[in-house]
Amino acid sequence: MEQPDLPALVERSRARRNAIDPSEVTYFIGRETVVRRKDGKALPWLVEVVFSFMLRNSSEAIDYYHLPRDEVVEIGRQFAI
C-alpha cells in the first residue's frame, strides 16, 4: 500500500535545486460532509448506513499525505445523499 509523504517530496525537490522553501508551503485539502436529503429522494436506508460507516472510518487526507496540521487549509462542502 502506497503512503505518500508530501513534505518529504517537497524537501527532495529542494535538494534538487528547486526554489521551494518547505517552511513557506501551504497545503489545501477538501473535506466533504454528507447530509441526508430532505426531499424524500434519499438513498435506501441500508446503503446510507454502509456509506456513512465507510466515510467515518476512512483516514483523513492530512494523515494520508503526512501533512503538518499547522500548514493545512481545509475547504469543505456539504452534499446530500
PDB file of N, CA and C in Angstrom:
ATOM      1  N   MET A   1       0.841  -1.175   0.000  1.00  0.00           N
ATOM      2  CA  MET A   1       0.000   0.000   0.000  1.00  0.00           C
ATOM      3  C   MET A   1       0.892   1.246   0.000  1.00  0.00           C
ATOM      4  N   GLU A   2       0.561   2.163  -0.867  1.00  0.00           N
ATOM      5  CA  GLU A   2       1.360   3.369  -1.005  1.00  0.00           C
ATOM      6  C   GLU A   2       1.001   4.381   0.082  1.00  0.00           C
ATOM      7  N   GLN A   3       2.003   5.029   0.642  1.00  0.00           N
ATOM      8  CA  GLN A   3       1.812   6.056   1.666  1.00  0.00           C
ATOM      9  C   GLN A   3       2.627   7.290   1.268  1.00  0.00           C
ATOM     10  N   PRO A   4       2.070   8.192   0.461  1.00  0.00           N
ATOM     11  CA  PRO A   4       2.823   9.362   0.023  1.00  0.00           C
ATOM     12  C   PRO A   4       3.125  10.304   1.183  1.00  0.00           C
ATOM     13  N   ASP A   5       4.282  10.900   1.128  1.00  0.00           N
ATOM     14  CA  ASP A   5       4.731  11.849   2.149  1.00  0.00           C
ATOM     15  C   ASP A   5       5.074  13.154   1.433  1.00  0.00           C
ATOM     16  N   LEU A   6       4.105  14.064   1.334  1.00  0.00           N
ATOM     17  CA  LEU A   6       4.296  15.284   0.570  1.00  0.00           C
ATOM     18  C   LEU A   6       5.388  16.190   1.124  1.00  0.00           C
ATOM     19  N   PRO A   7       5.492  16.407   2.441  1.00  0.00           N
ATOM     20  CA  PRO A   7       6.587  17.243   2.930  1.00  0.00           C
ATOM     21  C   PRO A   7       7.977  16.675   2.569  1.00  0.00           C
ATOM     22  N   ALA A   8       8.113  15.358   2.572  1.00  0.00           N
ATOM     23  CA  ALA A   8       9.386  14.759   2.172  1.00  0.00           C
ATOM     24  C   ALA A   8       9.658  14.992   0.693  1.00  0.00           C
ATOM     25  N   LEU A   9       8.618  14.940  -0.137  1.00  0.00           N
ATOM     26  CA  LEU A   9       8.788  15.215  -1.563  1.00  0.00           C
ATOM     27  C   LEU A   9       9.176  16.667  -1.812  1.00  0.00           C
ATOM     28  N   VAL A  10       8.606  17.586  -1.049  1.00  0.00           N
ATOM     29  CA  VAL A  10       8.978  18.996  -1.176  1.00  0.00           C
ATOM     30  C   VAL A  10      10.446  19.168  -0.797  1.00  0.00           C
ATOM     31  N   GLU A  11      10.854  18.509   0.267  1.00  0.00           N
ATOM     32  CA  GLU A  11      12.254  18.594   0.701  1.00  0.00           C
ATOM     33  C   GLU A  11      13.192  17.996  -0.349  1.00  0.00           C
ATOM     34  N   ARG A  12      12.799  16.872  -0.946  1.00  0.00           N
ATOM     35  CA  ARG A  12      13.625  16.265  -2.007  1.00  0.00           C
ATOM     36  C   ARG A  12      13.724  17.173  -3.219  1.00  0.00           C
ATOM     37  N   SER A  13      12.644  17.863  -3.561  1.00  0.00           N
ATOM     38  CA  SER A  13      12.689  18.773  -4.701  1.00  0.00           C
ATOM     39  C   SER A  13      13.595  19.960  -4.401  1.00  0.00           C
ATOM     40  N   ARG A  14      13.636  20.370  -3.146  1.00  0.00           N
ATOM     41  CA  ARG A  14      14.544  21.464  -2.756  1.00  0.00           C
ATOM     42  C   ARG A  14      15.989  21.015  -2.882  1.00  0.00           C
ATOM     43  N   ALA A  15      16.261  19.757  -2.548  1.00  0.00           N
ATOM     44  CA  ALA A  15      17.617  19.226  -2.678  1.00  0.00           C
ATOM     45  C   ALA A  15      18.066  19.188  -4.137  1.00  0.00           C
ATOM     46  N   ARG A  16      17.092  19.155  -5.048  1.00  0.00           N
ATOM     47  CA  ARG A  16      17.420  19.173  -6.489  1.00  0.00           C
ATOM     48  C   ARG A  16      17.437  20.597  -7.046  1.00  0.00           C
ATOM     49  N   ARG A  17      17.591  21.564  -6.164  1.00  0.00           N
ATOM     50  CA  ARG A  17      17.754  22.981  -6.512  1.00  0.00           C
ATOM     51  C   ARG A  17      16.491  23.643  -7.055  1.00  0.00           C
ATOM     52  N   ASN A  18      15.352  23.181  -6.636  1.00  0.00           N
ATOM     53  CA  ASN A  18      14.113  23.886  -6.954  1.00  0.00           C
ATOM     54  C   ASN A  18      13.907  24.975  -5.911  1.00  0.00           C
ATOM     55  N   ALA A  19      13.290  26.045  -6.302  1.00  0.00           N
ATOM     56  CA  ALA A  19      13.138  27.203  -5.410  1.00  0.00           C
ATOM     57  C   ALA A  19      11.909  27.072  -4.513  1.00  0.00           C
ATOM     58  N   ILE A  20      11.795  25.972  -3.794  1.00  0.00           N
ATOM     59  CA  ILE A  20      10.679  25.766  -2.875  1.00  0.00           C
ATOM     60  C   ILE A  20      11.229  25.735  -1.454  1.00  0.00           C
ATOM     61  N   ASP A  21      10.714  26.634  -0.635  1.00  0.00           N
ATOM     62  CA  ASP A  21      11.101  26.654   0.772  1.00  0.00           C
ATOM     63  C   ASP A  21      10.019  25.916   1.557  1.00  0.00           C
ATOM     64  N   PRO A  22      10.339  24.753   2.151  1.00  0.00           N
ATOM     65  CA  PRO A  22       9.308  23.969   2.864  1.00  0.00           C
ATOM     66  C   PRO A  22       8.607  24.732   3.981  1.00  0.00           C
ATOM     67  N   SER A  23       9.259  25.727   4.555  1.00  0.00           N
ATOM     68  CA  SER A  23       8.615  26.480   5.633  1.00  0.00           C
ATOM     69  C   SER A  23       7.565  27.454   5.111  1.00  0.00           C
ATOM     70  N   GLU A  24       7.532  27.692   3.799  1.00  0.00           N
ATOM     71  CA  GLU A  24       6.564  28.616   3.219  1.00  0.00           C
ATOM     72  C   GLU A  24       5.473  27.912   2.410  1.00  0.00           C
ATOM     73  N   VAL A  25       5.398  26.592   2.502  1.00  0.00           N
ATOM     74  CA  VAL A  25       4.406  25.826   1.744  1.00  0.00           C
ATOM     75  C   VAL A  25       3.108  25.752   2.548  1.00  0.00           C
ATOM     76  N   THR A  26       1.994  25.987   1.870  1.00  0.00           N
ATOM     77  CA  THR A  26       0.674  25.812   2.452  1.00  0.00           C
ATOM     78  C   THR A  26      -0.058  24.760   1.638  1.00  0.00           C
ATOM     79  N   TYR A  27      -0.631  23.784   2.309  1.00  0.00           N
ATOM     80  CA  TYR A  27      -1.347  22.699   1.646  1.00  0.00           C
ATOM     81  C   TYR A  27      -2.843  22.967   1.734  1.00  0.00           C
ATOM     82  N   PHE A  28      -3.555  22.764   0.640  1.00  0.00           N
ATOM     83  CA  PHE A  28      -5.003  22.940   0.593  1.00  0.00           C
ATOM     84  C   PHE A  28      -5.643  21.578   0.349  1.00  0.00           C
ATOM     85  N   ILE A  29      -6.591  21.228   1.203  1.00  0.00           N
ATOM     86  CA  ILE A  29      -7.297  19.954   1.038  1.00  0.00           C
ATOM     87  C   ILE A  29      -8.794  20.208   1.130  1.00  0.00           C
ATOM     88  N   GLY A  30      -9.563  19.295   0.583  1.00  0.00           N
ATOM     89  CA  GLY A  30     -11.014  19.403   0.623  1.00  0.00           C
ATOM     90  C   GLY A  30     -11.614  18.383   1.573  1.00  0.00           C
ATOM     91  N   ARG A  31     -12.701  18.746   2.179  1.00  0.00           N
ATOM     92  CA  ARG A  31     -13.432  17.847   3.073  1.00  0.00           C
ATOM     93  C   ARG A  31     -14.903  17.893   2.687  1.00  0.00           C
ATOM     94  N   GLU A  32     -15.500  16.744   2.626  1.00  0.00           N
ATOM     95  CA  GLU A  32     -16.915  16.663   2.285  1.00  0.00           C
ATOM     96  C   GLU A  32     -17.693  16.098   3.457  1.00  0.00           C
ATOM     97  N   THR A  33     -18.831  16.693   3.729  1.00  0.00           N
ATOM     98  CA  THR A  33     -19.726  16.223   4.773  1.00  0.00           C
ATOM     99  C   THR A  33     -21.022  15.772   4.110  1.00  0.00           C
ATOM    100  N   VAL A  34     -21.457  14.590   4.452  1.00  0.00           N
ATOM    101  CA  VAL A  34     -22.672  14.034   3.862  1.00  0.00           C
ATOM    102  C   VAL A  34     -23.843  14.313   4.781  1.00  0.00           C
ATOM    103  N   VAL A  35     -24.918  14.811   4.197  1.00  0.00           N
ATOM    104  CA  VAL A  35     -26.154  15.043   4.948  1.00  0.00           C
ATOM    105  C   VAL A  35     -27.295  14.320   4.233  1.00  0.00           C
ATOM    106  N   ARG A  36     -28.337  14.031   4.969  1.00  0.00           N
ATOM    107  CA  ARG A  36     -29.491  13.314   4.407  1.00  0.00           C
ATOM    108  C   ARG A  36     -30.363  14.287   3.616  1.00  0.00           C
ATOM    109  N   ARG A  37     -30.847  13.848   2.483  1.00  0.00           N
ATOM    110  CA  ARG A  37     -31.739  14.669   1.662  1.00  0.00           C
ATOM    111  C   ARG A  37     -33.062  14.870   2.372  1.00  0.00           C
ATOM    112  N   LYS A  38     -33.618  16.048   2.235  1.00  0.00           N
ATOM    113  CA  LYS A  38     -34.880  16.392   2.888  1.00  0.00           C
ATOM    114  C   LYS A  38     -36.084  16.226   1.967  1.00  0.00           C
ATOM    115  N   ASP A  39     -35.847  15.969   0.673  1.00  0.00           N
ATOM    116  CA  ASP A  39     -36.956  15.922  -0.270  1.00  0.00           C
ATOM    117  C   ASP A  39     -37.552  14.527  -0.459  1.00  0.00           C
ATOM    118  N   GLY A  40     -37.124  13.561   0.351  1.00  0.00           N
ATOM    119  CA  GLY A  40     -37.678  12.224   0.262  1.00  0.00           C
ATOM    120  C   GLY A  40     -37.046  11.344  -0.802  1.00  0.00           C
ATOM    121  N   LYS A  41     -36.022  11.834  -1.494  1.00  0.00           N
ATOM    122  CA  LYS A  41     -35.357  11.063  -2.540  1.00  0.00           C
ATOM    123  C   LYS A  41     -33.988  10.551  -2.073  1.00  0.00           C
ATOM    124  N   ALA A  42     -33.860  10.318  -0.799  1.00  0.00           N
ATOM    125  CA  ALA A  42     -32.583   9.872  -0.237  1.00  0.00           C
ATOM    126  C   ALA A  42     -32.289   8.431  -0.648  1.00  0.00           C
ATOM    127  N   LEU A  43     -31.059   8.010  -0.417  1.00  0.00           N
ATOM    128  CA  LEU A  43     -30.671   6.633  -0.680  1.00  0.00           C
ATOM    129  C   LEU A  43     -31.448   5.680   0.232  1.00  0.00           C
ATOM    130  N   PRO A  44     -31.571   4.424  -0.154  1.00  0.00           N
ATOM    131  CA  PRO A  44     -32.185   3.446   0.763  1.00  0.00           C
ATOM    132  C   PRO A  44     -31.420   3.403   2.091  1.00  0.00           C
ATOM    133  N   TRP A  45     -32.124   3.101   3.138  1.00  0.00           N
ATOM    134  CA  TRP A  45     -31.568   3.156   4.491  1.00  0.00           C
ATOM    135  C   TRP A  45     -30.278   2.353   4.615  1.00  0.00           C
ATOM    136  N   LEU A  46     -30.242   1.121   4.141  1.00  0.00           N
ATOM    137  CA  LEU A  46     -29.067   0.270   4.294  1.00  0.00           C
ATOM    138  C   LEU A  46     -27.865   0.831   3.536  1.00  0.00           C
ATOM    139  N   VAL A  47     -28.079   1.331   2.348  1.00  0.00           N
ATOM    140  CA  VAL A  47     -26.995   1.925   1.558  1.00  0.00           C
ATOM    141  C   VAL A  47     -26.443   3.147   2.272  1.00  0.00           C
ATOM    142  N   GLU A  48     -27.310   3.958   2.817  1.00  0.00           N
ATOM    143  CA  GLU A  48     -26.875   5.152   3.533  1.00  0.00           C
ATOM    144  C   GLU A  48     -26.065   4.793   4.777  1.00  0.00           C
ATOM    145  N   VAL A  49     -26.499   3.785   5.525  1.00  0.00           N
ATOM    146  CA  VAL A  49     -25.782   3.362   6.731  1.00  0.00           C
ATOM    147  C   VAL A  49     -24.380   2.857   6.375  1.00  0.00           C
ATOM    148  N   VAL A  50     -24.287   2.022   5.345  1.00  0.00           N
ATOM    149  CA  VAL A  50     -22.991   1.482   4.932  1.00  0.00           C
ATOM    150  C   VAL A  50     -22.078   2.610   4.435  1.00  0.00           C
ATOM    151  N   PHE A  51     -22.596   3.502   3.605  1.00  0.00           N
ATOM    152  CA  PHE A  51     -21.806   4.614   3.095  1.00  0.00           C
ATOM    153  C   PHE A  51     -21.328   5.506   4.228  1.00  0.00           C
ATOM    154  N   SER A  52     -22.201   5.838   5.169  1.00  0.00           N
ATOM    155  CA  SER A  52     -21.819   6.681   6.308  1.00  0.00           C
ATOM    156  C   SER A  52     -20.744   6.016   7.147  1.00  0.00           C
ATOM    157  N   PHE A  53     -20.877   4.713   7.377  1.00  0.00           N
ATOM    158  CA  PHE A  53     -19.876   3.977   8.150  1.00  0.00           C
ATOM    159  C   PHE A  53     -18.513   4.028   7.458  1.00  0.00           C
ATOM    160  N   MET A  54     -18.506   3.777   6.159  1.00  0.00           N
ATOM    161  CA  MET A  54     -17.244   3.777   5.417  1.00  0.00           C
ATOM    162  C   MET A  54     -16.613   5.168   5.391  1.00  0.00           C
ATOM    163  N   LEU A  55     -17.418   6.204   5.240  1.00  0.00           N
ATOM    164  CA  LEU A  55     -16.904   7.569   5.216  1.00  0.00           C
ATOM    165  C   LEU A  55     -16.317   7.961   6.567  1.00  0.00           C
ATOM    166  N   ARG A  56     -17.004   7.607   7.661  1.00  0.00           N
ATOM    167  CA  ARG A  56     -16.499   7.930   9.003  1.00  0.00           C
ATOM    168  C   ARG A  56     -15.190   7.219   9.312  1.00  0.00           C
ATOM    169  N   ASN A  57     -15.019   5.998   8.804  1.00  0.00           N
ATOM    170  CA  ASN A  57     -13.841   5.208   9.130  1.00  0.00           C
ATOM    171  C   ASN A  57     -12.692   5.379   8.140  1.00  0.00           C
ATOM    172  N   SER A  58     -12.865   6.204   7.141  1.00  0.00           N
ATOM    173  CA  SER A  58     -11.766   6.451   6.210  1.00  0.00           C
ATOM    174  C   SER A  58     -10.750   7.393   6.865  1.00  0.00           C
ATOM    175  N   SER A  59      -9.516   7.310   6.416  1.00  0.00           N
ATOM    176  CA  SER A  59      -8.482   8.158   7.008  1.00  0.00           C
ATOM    177  C   SER A  59      -8.579   9.570   6.457  1.00  0.00           C
ATOM    178  N   GLU A  60      -8.097  10.507   7.230  1.00  0.00           N
ATOM    179  CA  GLU A  60      -8.093  11.902   6.802  1.00  0.00           C
ATOM    180  C   GLU A  60      -6.977  12.133   5.803  1.00  0.00           C
ATOM    181  N   ALA A  61      -7.166  13.083   4.915  1.00  0.00           N
ATOM    182  CA  ALA A  61      -6.138  13.409   3.921  1.00  0.00           C
ATOM    183  C   ALA A  61      -4.861  13.911   4.601  1.00  0.00           C
ATOM    184  N   ILE A  62      -5.013  14.609   5.709  1.00  0.00           N
ATOM    185  CA  ILE A  62      -3.845  15.117   6.432  1.00  0.00           C
ATOM    186  C   ILE A  62      -2.958  13.967   6.883  1.00  0.00           C
ATOM    187  N   ASP A  63      -3.554  12.914   7.398  1.00  0.00           N
ATOM    188  CA  ASP A  63      -2.783  11.765   7.849  1.00  0.00           C
ATOM    189  C   ASP A  63      -2.233  10.960   6.673  1.00  0.00           C
ATOM    190  N   TYR A  64      -3.023  10.804   5.623  1.00  0.00           N
ATOM    191  CA  TYR A  64      -2.604  10.007   4.471  1.00  0.00           C
ATOM    192  C   TYR A  64      -1.375  10.602   3.792  1.00  0.00           C
ATOM    193  N   TYR A  65      -1.358  11.925   3.644  1.00  0.00           N
ATOM    194  CA  TYR A  65      -0.237  12.587   2.978  1.00  0.00           C
ATOM    195  C   TYR A  65       0.849  13.058   3.948  1.00  0.00           C
ATOM    196  N   HIS A  66       0.700  12.785   5.243  1.00  0.00           N
ATOM    197  CA  HIS A  66       1.668  13.157   6.281  1.00  0.00           C
ATOM    198  C   HIS A  66       1.892  14.671   6.321  1.00  0.00           C
ATOM    199  N   LEU A  67       0.810  15.426   6.273  1.00  0.00           N
ATOM    200  CA  LEU A  67       0.903  16.880   6.243  1.00  0.00           C
ATOM    201  C   LEU A  67       0.984  17.444   7.659  1.00  0.00           C
ATOM    202  N   PRO A  68       1.773  18.488   7.848  1.00  0.00           N
ATOM    203  CA  PRO A  68       1.788  19.162   9.152  1.00  0.00           C
ATOM    204  C   PRO A  68       0.490  19.943   9.341  1.00  0.00           C
ATOM    205  N   ARG A  69      -0.202  19.713  10.434  1.00  0.00           N
ATOM    206  CA  ARG A  69      -1.536  20.280  10.639  1.00  0.00           C
ATOM    207  C   ARG A  69      -1.556  21.804  10.679  1.00  0.00           C
ATOM    208  N   ASP A  70      -0.469  22.434  11.068  1.00  0.00           N
ATOM    209  CA  ASP A  70      -0.463  23.896  11.129  1.00  0.00           C
ATOM    210  C   ASP A  70      -0.166  24.554   9.785  1.00  0.00           C
ATOM    211  N   GLU A  71       0.010  23.761   8.731  1.00  0.00           N
ATOM    212  CA  GLU A  71       0.266  24.303   7.395  1.00  0.00           C
ATOM    213  C   GLU A  71      -0.813  23.877   6.397  1.00  0.00           C
ATOM    214  N   VAL A  72      -1.987  23.506   6.901  1.00  0.00           N
ATOM    215  CA  VAL A  72      -3.054  22.995   6.049  1.00  0.00           C
ATOM    216  C   VAL A  72      -4.269  23.917   6.125  1.00  0.00           C
ATOM    217  N   VAL A  73      -4.856  24.189   4.959  1.00  0.00           N
ATOM    218  CA  VAL A  73      -6.118  24.912   4.873  1.00  0.00           C
ATOM    219  C   VAL A  73      -7.151  23.917   4.344  1.00  0.00           C
ATOM    220  N   GLU A  74      -8.227  23.737   5.101  1.00  0.00           N
ATOM    221  CA  GLU A  74      -9.287  22.809   4.683  1.00  0.00           C
ATOM    222  C   GLU A  74     -10.448  23.595   4.095  1.00  0.00           C
ATOM    223  N   ILE A  75     -10.899  23.150   2.935  1.00  0.00           N
ATOM    224  CA  ILE A  75     -12.058  23.751   2.289  1.00  0.00           C
ATOM    225  C   ILE A  75     -13.136  22.679   2.265  1.00  0.00           C
ATOM    226  N   GLY A  76     -14.278  22.979   2.862  1.00  0.00           N
ATOM    227  CA  GLY A  76     -15.304  21.953   2.996  1.00  0.00           C
ATOM    228  C   GLY A  76     -16.591  22.285   2.272  1.00  0.00           C
ATOM    229  N   ARG A  77     -17.370  21.251   2.061  1.00  0.00           N
ATOM    230  CA  ARG A  77     -18.703  21.404   1.479  1.00  0.00           C
ATOM    231  C   ARG A  77     -19.593  20.292   1.989  1.00  0.00           C
ATOM    232  N   GLN A  78     -20.876  20.522   1.924  1.00  0.00           N
ATOM    233  CA  GLN A  78     -21.847  19.504   2.293  1.00  0.00           C
ATOM    234  C   GLN A  78     -22.571  19.042   1.020  1.00  0.00           C
ATOM    235  N   PHE A  79     -22.856  17.762   0.959  1.00  0.00           N
ATOM    236  CA  PHE A  79     -23.685  17.272  -0.133  1.00  0.00           C
ATOM    237  C   PHE A  79     -24.686  16.280   0.406  1.00  0.00           C
ATOM    238  N   ALA A  80     -25.834  16.277  -0.195  1.00  0.00           N
ATOM    239  CA  ALA A  80     -26.943  15.442   0.278  1.00  0.00           C
ATOM    240  C   ALA A  80     -27.037  14.160  -0.529  1.00  0.00           C
ATOM    241  N   ILE A  81     -27.252  13.047   0.186  1.00  0.00           N
ATOM    242  CA  ILE A  81     -27.456  11.761  -0.488  1.00  0.00           C
ATOM    243  C   ILE A  81     -28.803  11.208  -0.114  1.00  0.00           C
TER     244      ILE A  81
END
